[in-house]
């Protein structure tokens, strides 16, 4: 049993099928060196936090609909 088949069997992770088009996926690399894995995950973590901050809209107060109404 390949490691891809084990992932599918144990964790229901199908890495051999594209999530978007349901077509076959070709595996081009298998990274097993722990130091390289940590480096990649650290880079992705930094990028993810920068992306999430960049996507936030500017802060502002809630609208005051009755501010100028004559009551």
PDB file of N, CA and C in Angstrom:
ATOM      1  N   UNK A   1       0.849  -1.173   0.000  1.00  0.00           N
ATOM      2  CA  UNK A   1       0.000   0.000   0.000  1.00  0.00           C
ATOM      3  C   UNK A   1       0.903   1.247   0.000  1.00  0.00           C
ATOM      4  N   UNK A   2       0.639   2.189  -0.900  1.00  0.00           N
ATOM      5  CA  UNK A   2       1.445   3.400  -0.973  1.00  0.00           C
ATOM      6  C   UNK A   2       1.048   4.355   0.153  1.00  0.00           C
ATOM      7  N   UNK A   3       1.885   5.356   0.402  1.00  0.00           N
ATOM      8  CA  UNK A   3       1.566   6.321   1.459  1.00  0.00           C
ATOM      9  C   UNK A   3       0.333   7.135   1.081  1.00  0.00           C
ATOM     10  N   UNK A   4       0.125   7.374  -0.208  1.00  0.00           N
ATOM     11  CA  UNK A   4      -1.066   8.098  -0.649  1.00  0.00           C
ATOM     12  C   UNK A   4      -2.327   7.273  -0.344  1.00  0.00           C
ATOM     13  N   UNK A   5      -2.250   5.983  -0.567  1.00  0.00           N
ATOM     14  CA  UNK A   5      -3.389   5.106  -0.264  1.00  0.00           C
ATOM     15  C   UNK A   5      -3.637   5.048   1.243  1.00  0.00           C
ATOM     16  N   UNK A   6      -2.565   5.070   2.031  1.00  0.00           N
ATOM     17  CA  UNK A   6      -2.717   5.070   3.501  1.00  0.00           C
ATOM     18  C   UNK A   6      -3.398   6.350   3.977  1.00  0.00           C
ATOM     19  N   UNK A   7      -2.988   7.499   3.412  1.00  0.00           N
ATOM     20  CA  UNK A   7      -3.634   8.764   3.782  1.00  0.00           C
ATOM     21  C   UNK A   7      -5.125   8.712   3.488  1.00  0.00           C
ATOM     22  N   UNK A   8      -5.475   8.164   2.345  1.00  0.00           N
ATOM     23  CA  UNK A   8      -6.881   8.074   1.959  1.00  0.00           C
ATOM     24  C   UNK A   8      -7.636   7.136   2.893  1.00  0.00           C
ATOM     25  N   UNK A   9      -7.021   6.023   3.229  1.00  0.00           N
ATOM     26  CA  UNK A   9      -7.684   5.010   4.055  1.00  0.00           C
ATOM     27  C   UNK A   9      -7.853   5.474   5.502  1.00  0.00           C
ATOM     28  N   UNK A  10      -6.818   6.064   6.079  1.00  0.00           N
ATOM     29  CA  UNK A  10      -6.842   6.417   7.496  1.00  0.00           C
ATOM     30  C   UNK A  10      -7.504   7.772   7.747  1.00  0.00           C
ATOM     31  N   UNK A  11      -7.154   8.779   6.937  1.00  0.00           N
ATOM     32  CA  UNK A  11      -7.620  10.140   7.193  1.00  0.00           C
ATOM     33  C   UNK A  11      -8.647  10.642   6.176  1.00  0.00           C
ATOM     34  N   UNK A  12      -9.045   9.820   5.233  1.00  0.00           N
ATOM     35  CA  UNK A  12      -9.962  10.206   4.166  1.00  0.00           C
ATOM     36  C   UNK A  12      -9.417  11.416   3.388  1.00  0.00           C
ATOM     37  N   UNK A  13      -8.100  11.434   3.178  1.00  0.00           N
ATOM     38  CA  UNK A  13      -7.446  12.470   2.390  1.00  0.00           C
ATOM     39  C   UNK A  13      -7.076  11.853   1.053  1.00  0.00           C
ATOM     40  N   UNK A  14      -7.696  12.343  -0.002  1.00  0.00           N
ATOM     41  CA  UNK A  14      -7.405  11.812  -1.335  1.00  0.00           C
ATOM     42  C   UNK A  14      -6.500  12.797  -2.059  1.00  0.00           C
ATOM     43  N   UNK A  15      -5.197  12.530  -2.047  1.00  0.00           N
ATOM     44  CA  UNK A  15      -4.250  13.441  -2.690  1.00  0.00           C
ATOM     45  C   UNK A  15      -4.028  13.081  -4.149  1.00  0.00           C
ATOM     46  N   UNK A  16      -4.700  12.073  -4.622  1.00  0.00           N
ATOM     47  CA  UNK A  16      -4.537  11.662  -6.011  1.00  0.00           C
ATOM     48  C   UNK A  16      -5.616  12.242  -6.926  1.00  0.00           C
ATOM     49  N   UNK A  17      -6.578  12.997  -6.340  1.00  0.00           N
ATOM     50  CA  UNK A  17      -7.664  13.584  -7.117  1.00  0.00           C
ATOM     51  C   UNK A  17      -7.747  15.077  -6.813  1.00  0.00           C
ATOM     52  N   UNK A  18      -7.827  15.891  -7.862  1.00  0.00           N
ATOM     53  CA  UNK A  18      -7.918  17.344  -7.723  1.00  0.00           C
ATOM     54  C   UNK A  18      -9.263  17.717  -7.100  1.00  0.00           C
ATOM     55  N   UNK A  19      -9.224  18.589  -6.086  1.00  0.00           N
ATOM     56  CA  UNK A  19     -10.452  19.022  -5.421  1.00  0.00           C
ATOM     57  C   UNK A  19     -11.331  19.861  -6.341  1.00  0.00           C
ATOM     58  N   UNK A  20     -10.713  20.609  -7.257  1.00  0.00           N
ATOM     59  CA  UNK A  20     -11.476  21.519  -8.111  1.00  0.00           C
ATOM     60  C   UNK A  20     -12.101  20.820  -9.303  1.00  0.00           C
ATOM     61  N   UNK A  21     -11.288  20.056 -10.040  1.00  0.00           N
ATOM     62  CA  UNK A  21     -11.797  19.471 -11.296  1.00  0.00           C
ATOM     63  C   UNK A  21     -12.025  17.961 -11.213  1.00  0.00           C
ATOM     64  N   UNK A  22     -11.666  17.355 -10.090  1.00  0.00           N
ATOM     65  CA  UNK A  22     -11.806  15.914  -9.870  1.00  0.00           C
ATOM     66  C   UNK A  22     -10.935  15.082 -10.806  1.00  0.00           C
ATOM     67  N   UNK A  23      -9.955  15.711 -11.444  1.00  0.00           N
ATOM     68  CA  UNK A  23      -9.025  15.006 -12.319  1.00  0.00           C
ATOM     69  C   UNK A  23      -7.871  14.409 -11.532  1.00  0.00           C
ATOM     70  N   UNK A  24      -7.061  13.592 -12.183  1.00  0.00           N
ATOM     71  CA  UNK A  24      -5.925  12.983 -11.484  1.00  0.00           C
ATOM     72  C   UNK A  24      -4.833  14.015 -11.183  1.00  0.00           C
ATOM     73  N   UNK A  25      -4.165  13.835 -10.045  1.00  0.00           N
ATOM     74  CA  UNK A  25      -3.069  14.707  -9.631  1.00  0.00           C
ATOM     75  C   UNK A  25      -1.777  13.911  -9.705  1.00  0.00           C
ATOM     76  N   UNK A  26      -0.743  14.547 -10.238  1.00  0.00           N
ATOM     77  CA  UNK A  26       0.554  13.889 -10.337  1.00  0.00           C
ATOM     78  C   UNK A  26       1.432  14.411  -9.204  1.00  0.00           C
ATOM     79  N   UNK A  27       1.972  13.529  -8.400  1.00  0.00           N
ATOM     80  CA  UNK A  27       2.850  13.901  -7.294  1.00  0.00           C
ATOM     81  C   UNK A  27       4.236  14.152  -7.864  1.00  0.00           C
ATOM     82  N   UNK A  28       4.782  15.342  -7.629  1.00  0.00           N
ATOM     83  CA  UNK A  28       6.079  15.705  -8.193  1.00  0.00           C
ATOM     84  C   UNK A  28       7.204  15.679  -7.166  1.00  0.00           C
ATOM     85  N   UNK A  29       6.869  15.659  -5.862  1.00  0.00           N
ATOM     86  CA  UNK A  29       7.915  15.625  -4.841  1.00  0.00           C
ATOM     87  C   UNK A  29       7.358  15.076  -3.540  1.00  0.00           C
ATOM     88  N   UNK A  30       8.247  14.508  -2.754  1.00  0.00           N
ATOM     89  CA  UNK A  30       7.908  14.019  -1.425  1.00  0.00           C
ATOM     90  C   UNK A  30       8.990  14.536  -0.480  1.00  0.00           C
ATOM     91  N   UNK A  31       8.646  15.492   0.349  1.00  0.00           N
ATOM     92  CA  UNK A  31       9.614  16.105   1.256  1.00  0.00           C
ATOM     93  C   UNK A  31       9.539  15.386   2.593  1.00  0.00           C
ATOM     94  N   UNK A  32      10.645  14.790   3.006  1.00  0.00           N
ATOM     95  CA  UNK A  32      10.679  14.009   4.236  1.00  0.00           C
ATOM     96  C   UNK A  32      11.659  14.549   5.276  1.00  0.00           C
ATOM     97  N   UNK A  33      12.520  15.502   4.901  1.00  0.00           N
ATOM     98  CA  UNK A  33      13.504  16.064   5.818  1.00  0.00           C
ATOM     99  C   UNK A  33      12.796  17.006   6.802  1.00  0.00           C
ATOM    100  N   UNK A  34      12.813  16.709   8.116  1.00  0.00           N
ATOM    101  CA  UNK A  34      12.104  17.537   9.094  1.00  0.00           C
ATOM    102  C   UNK A  34      12.519  19.013   9.075  1.00  0.00           C
ATOM    103  N   UNK A  35      13.792  19.292   8.857  1.00  0.00           N
ATOM    104  CA  UNK A  35      14.251  20.684   8.832  1.00  0.00           C
ATOM    105  C   UNK A  35      13.623  21.438   7.662  1.00  0.00           C
ATOM    106  N   UNK A  36      13.530  20.796   6.513  1.00  0.00           N
ATOM    107  CA  UNK A  36      12.925  21.425   5.337  1.00  0.00           C
ATOM    108  C   UNK A  36      11.425  21.613   5.554  1.00  0.00           C
ATOM    109  N   UNK A  37      10.775  20.643   6.156  1.00  0.00           N
ATOM    110  CA  UNK A  37       9.344  20.736   6.434  1.00  0.00           C
ATOM    111  C   UNK A  37       9.069  21.911   7.373  1.00  0.00           C
ATOM    112  N   UNK A  38       9.860  22.057   8.442  1.00  0.00           N
ATOM    113  CA  UNK A  38       9.687  23.176   9.372  1.00  0.00           C
ATOM    114  C   UNK A  38       9.875  24.514   8.655  1.00  0.00           C
ATOM    115  N   UNK A  39      10.853  24.576   7.775  1.00  0.00           N
ATOM    116  CA  UNK A  39      11.130  25.807   7.037  1.00  0.00           C
ATOM    117  C   UNK A  39       9.945  26.179   6.132  1.00  0.00           C
ATOM    118  N   UNK A  40       9.397  25.216   5.457  1.00  0.00           N
ATOM    119  CA  UNK A  40       8.251  25.458   4.582  1.00  0.00           C
ATOM    120  C   UNK A  40       7.038  25.898   5.393  1.00  0.00           C
ATOM    121  N   UNK A  41       6.755  25.212   6.497  1.00  0.00           N
ATOM    122  CA  UNK A  41       5.603  25.565   7.316  1.00  0.00           C
ATOM    123  C   UNK A  41       5.760  26.944   7.947  1.00  0.00           C
ATOM    124  N   UNK A  42       6.967  27.298   8.355  1.00  0.00           N
ATOM    125  CA  UNK A  42       7.216  28.628   8.915  1.00  0.00           C
ATOM    126  C   UNK A  42       6.957  29.698   7.853  1.00  0.00           C
ATOM    127  N   UNK A  43       7.410  29.452   6.647  1.00  0.00           N
ATOM    128  CA  UNK A  43       7.193  30.411   5.553  1.00  0.00           C
ATOM    129  C   UNK A  43       5.702  30.574   5.263  1.00  0.00           C
ATOM    130  N   UNK A  44       4.976  29.467   5.213  1.00  0.00           N
ATOM    131  CA  UNK A  44       3.538  29.538   4.938  1.00  0.00           C
ATOM    132  C   UNK A  44       2.797  30.246   6.063  1.00  0.00           C
ATOM    133  N   UNK A  45       3.220  30.036   7.296  1.00  0.00           N
ATOM    134  CA  UNK A  45       2.600  30.693   8.436  1.00  0.00           C
ATOM    135  C   UNK A  45       2.791  32.201   8.358  1.00  0.00           C
ATOM    136  N   UNK A  46       3.992  32.644   8.004  1.00  0.00           N
ATOM    137  CA  UNK A  46       4.262  34.080   7.872  1.00  0.00           C
ATOM    138  C   UNK A  46       3.418  34.677   6.750  1.00  0.00           C
ATOM    139  N   UNK A  47       3.355  33.986   5.642  1.00  0.00           N
ATOM    140  CA  UNK A  47       2.593  34.485   4.494  1.00  0.00           C
ATOM    141  C   UNK A  47       1.105  34.539   4.807  1.00  0.00           C
ATOM    142  N   UNK A  48       0.609  33.533   5.517  1.00  0.00           N
ATOM    143  CA  UNK A  48      -0.809  33.486   5.858  1.00  0.00           C
ATOM    144  C   UNK A  48      -1.191  34.638   6.775  1.00  0.00           C
ATOM    145  N   UNK A  49      -0.366  34.946   7.767  1.00  0.00           N
ATOM    146  CA  UNK A  49      -0.691  36.042   8.675  1.00  0.00           C
ATOM    147  C   UNK A  49      -0.625  37.381   7.946  1.00  0.00           C
ATOM    148  N   UNK A  50       0.317  37.554   7.040  1.00  0.00           N
ATOM    149  CA  UNK A  50       0.416  38.791   6.259  1.00  0.00           C
ATOM    150  C   UNK A  50      -0.777  38.922   5.321  1.00  0.00           C
ATOM    151  N   UNK A  51      -1.206  37.824   4.706  1.00  0.00           N
ATOM    152  CA  UNK A  51      -2.353  37.847   3.795  1.00  0.00           C
ATOM    153  C   UNK A  51      -3.642  38.184   4.542  1.00  0.00           C
ATOM    154  N   UNK A  52      -3.823  37.614   5.739  1.00  0.00           N
ATOM    155  CA  UNK A  52      -5.061  37.852   6.476  1.00  0.00           C
ATOM    156  C   UNK A  52      -5.138  39.294   6.950  1.00  0.00           C
ATOM    157  N   UNK A  53      -4.001  39.895   7.302  1.00  0.00           N
ATOM    158  CA  UNK A  53      -4.006  41.298   7.710  1.00  0.00           C
ATOM    159  C   UNK A  53      -4.257  42.213   6.515  1.00  0.00           C
ATOM    160  N   UNK A  54      -3.748  41.861   5.370  1.00  0.00           N
ATOM    161  CA  UNK A  54      -3.912  42.690   4.181  1.00  0.00           C
ATOM    162  C   UNK A  54      -5.351  42.673   3.675  1.00  0.00           C
ATOM    163  N   UNK A  55      -6.110  41.639   3.970  1.00  0.00           N
ATOM    164  CA  UNK A  55      -7.463  41.511   3.450  1.00  0.00           C
ATOM    165  C   UNK A  55      -8.524  42.128   4.348  1.00  0.00           C
ATOM    166  N   UNK A  56      -8.155  42.569   5.543  1.00  0.00           N
ATOM    167  CA  UNK A  56      -9.143  43.138   6.442  1.00  0.00           C
ATOM    168  C   UNK A  56      -9.563  44.526   5.955  1.00  0.00           C
ATOM    169  N   UNK A  57     -10.851  44.814   5.994  1.00  0.00           N
ATOM    170  CA  UNK A  57     -11.288  46.154   5.596  1.00  0.00           C
ATOM    171  C   UNK A  57     -10.887  47.158   6.676  1.00  0.00           C
ATOM    172  N   UNK A  58     -10.818  48.447   6.333  1.00  0.00           N
ATOM    173  CA  UNK A  58     -10.464  49.441   7.346  1.00  0.00           C
ATOM    174  C   UNK A  58     -11.541  49.515   8.423  1.00  0.00           C
ATOM    175  N   UNK A  59     -11.118  49.753   9.652  1.00  0.00           N
ATOM    176  CA  UNK A  59     -12.071  49.838  10.753  1.00  0.00           C
ATOM    177  C   UNK A  59     -12.822  51.152  10.686  1.00  0.00           C
ATOM    178  N   UNK A  60     -14.110  51.127  11.082  1.00  0.00           N
ATOM    179  CA  UNK A  60     -14.903  52.339  11.123  1.00  0.00           C
ATOM    180  C   UNK A  60     -16.054  52.137  12.103  1.00  0.00           C
ATOM    181  N   UNK A  61     -16.631  53.223  12.522  1.00  0.00           N
ATOM    182  CA  UNK A  61     -17.748  53.170  13.465  1.00  0.00           C
ATOM    183  C   UNK A  61     -19.001  52.703  12.742  1.00  0.00           C
ATOM    184  N   UNK A  62     -19.955  52.139  13.477  1.00  0.00           N
ATOM    185  CA  UNK A  62     -21.206  51.718  12.845  1.00  0.00           C
ATOM    186  C   UNK A  62     -21.992  52.948  12.372  1.00  0.00           C
ATOM    187  N   UNK A  63     -22.845  52.788  11.361  1.00  0.00           N
ATOM    188  CA  UNK A  63     -23.613  53.933  10.860  1.00  0.00           C
ATOM    189  C   UNK A  63     -24.576  54.449  11.928  1.00  0.00           C
ATOM    190  N   UNK A  64     -24.755  55.737  11.953  1.00  0.00           N
ATOM    191  CA  UNK A  64     -25.681  56.371  12.895  1.00  0.00           C
ATOM    192  C   UNK A  64     -26.848  56.926  12.079  1.00  0.00           C
ATOM    193  N   UNK A  65     -27.833  56.119  11.860  1.00  0.00           N
ATOM    194  CA  UNK A  65     -28.931  56.467  10.947  1.00  0.00           C
ATOM    195  C   UNK A  65     -29.794  57.597  11.470  1.00  0.00           C
ATOM    196  N   UNK A  66     -29.938  57.757  12.763  1.00  0.00           N
ATOM    197  CA  UNK A  66     -30.832  58.787  13.286  1.00  0.00           C
ATOM    198  C   UNK A  66     -30.067  59.995  13.841  1.00  0.00           C
ATOM    199  N   UNK A  67     -28.875  60.225  13.408  1.00  0.00           N
ATOM    200  CA  UNK A  67     -28.040  61.311  13.925  1.00  0.00           C
ATOM    201  C   UNK A  67     -28.634  62.681  13.574  1.00  0.00           C
ATOM    202  N   UNK A  68     -29.133  62.840  12.352  1.00  0.00           N
ATOM    203  CA  UNK A  68     -29.630  64.139  11.908  1.00  0.00           C
ATOM    204  C   UNK A  68     -31.155  64.185  11.759  1.00  0.00           C
ATOM    205  N   UNK A  69     -31.831  63.178  12.256  1.00  0.00           N
ATOM    206  CA  UNK A  69     -33.305  63.171  12.157  1.00  0.00           C
ATOM    207  C   UNK A  69     -33.888  64.166  13.154  1.00  0.00           C
ATOM    208  N   UNK A  70     -34.949  64.871  12.714  1.00  0.00           N
ATOM    209  CA  UNK A  70     -35.672  65.782  13.617  1.00  0.00           C
ATOM    210  C   UNK A  70     -36.741  64.974  14.331  1.00  0.00           C
ATOM    211  N   UNK A  71     -36.554  64.784  15.599  1.00  0.00           N
ATOM    212  CA  UNK A  71     -37.528  63.982  16.335  1.00  0.00           C
ATOM    213  C   UNK A  71     -38.156  64.758  17.441  1.00  0.00           C
TER     214      UNK A  71
END
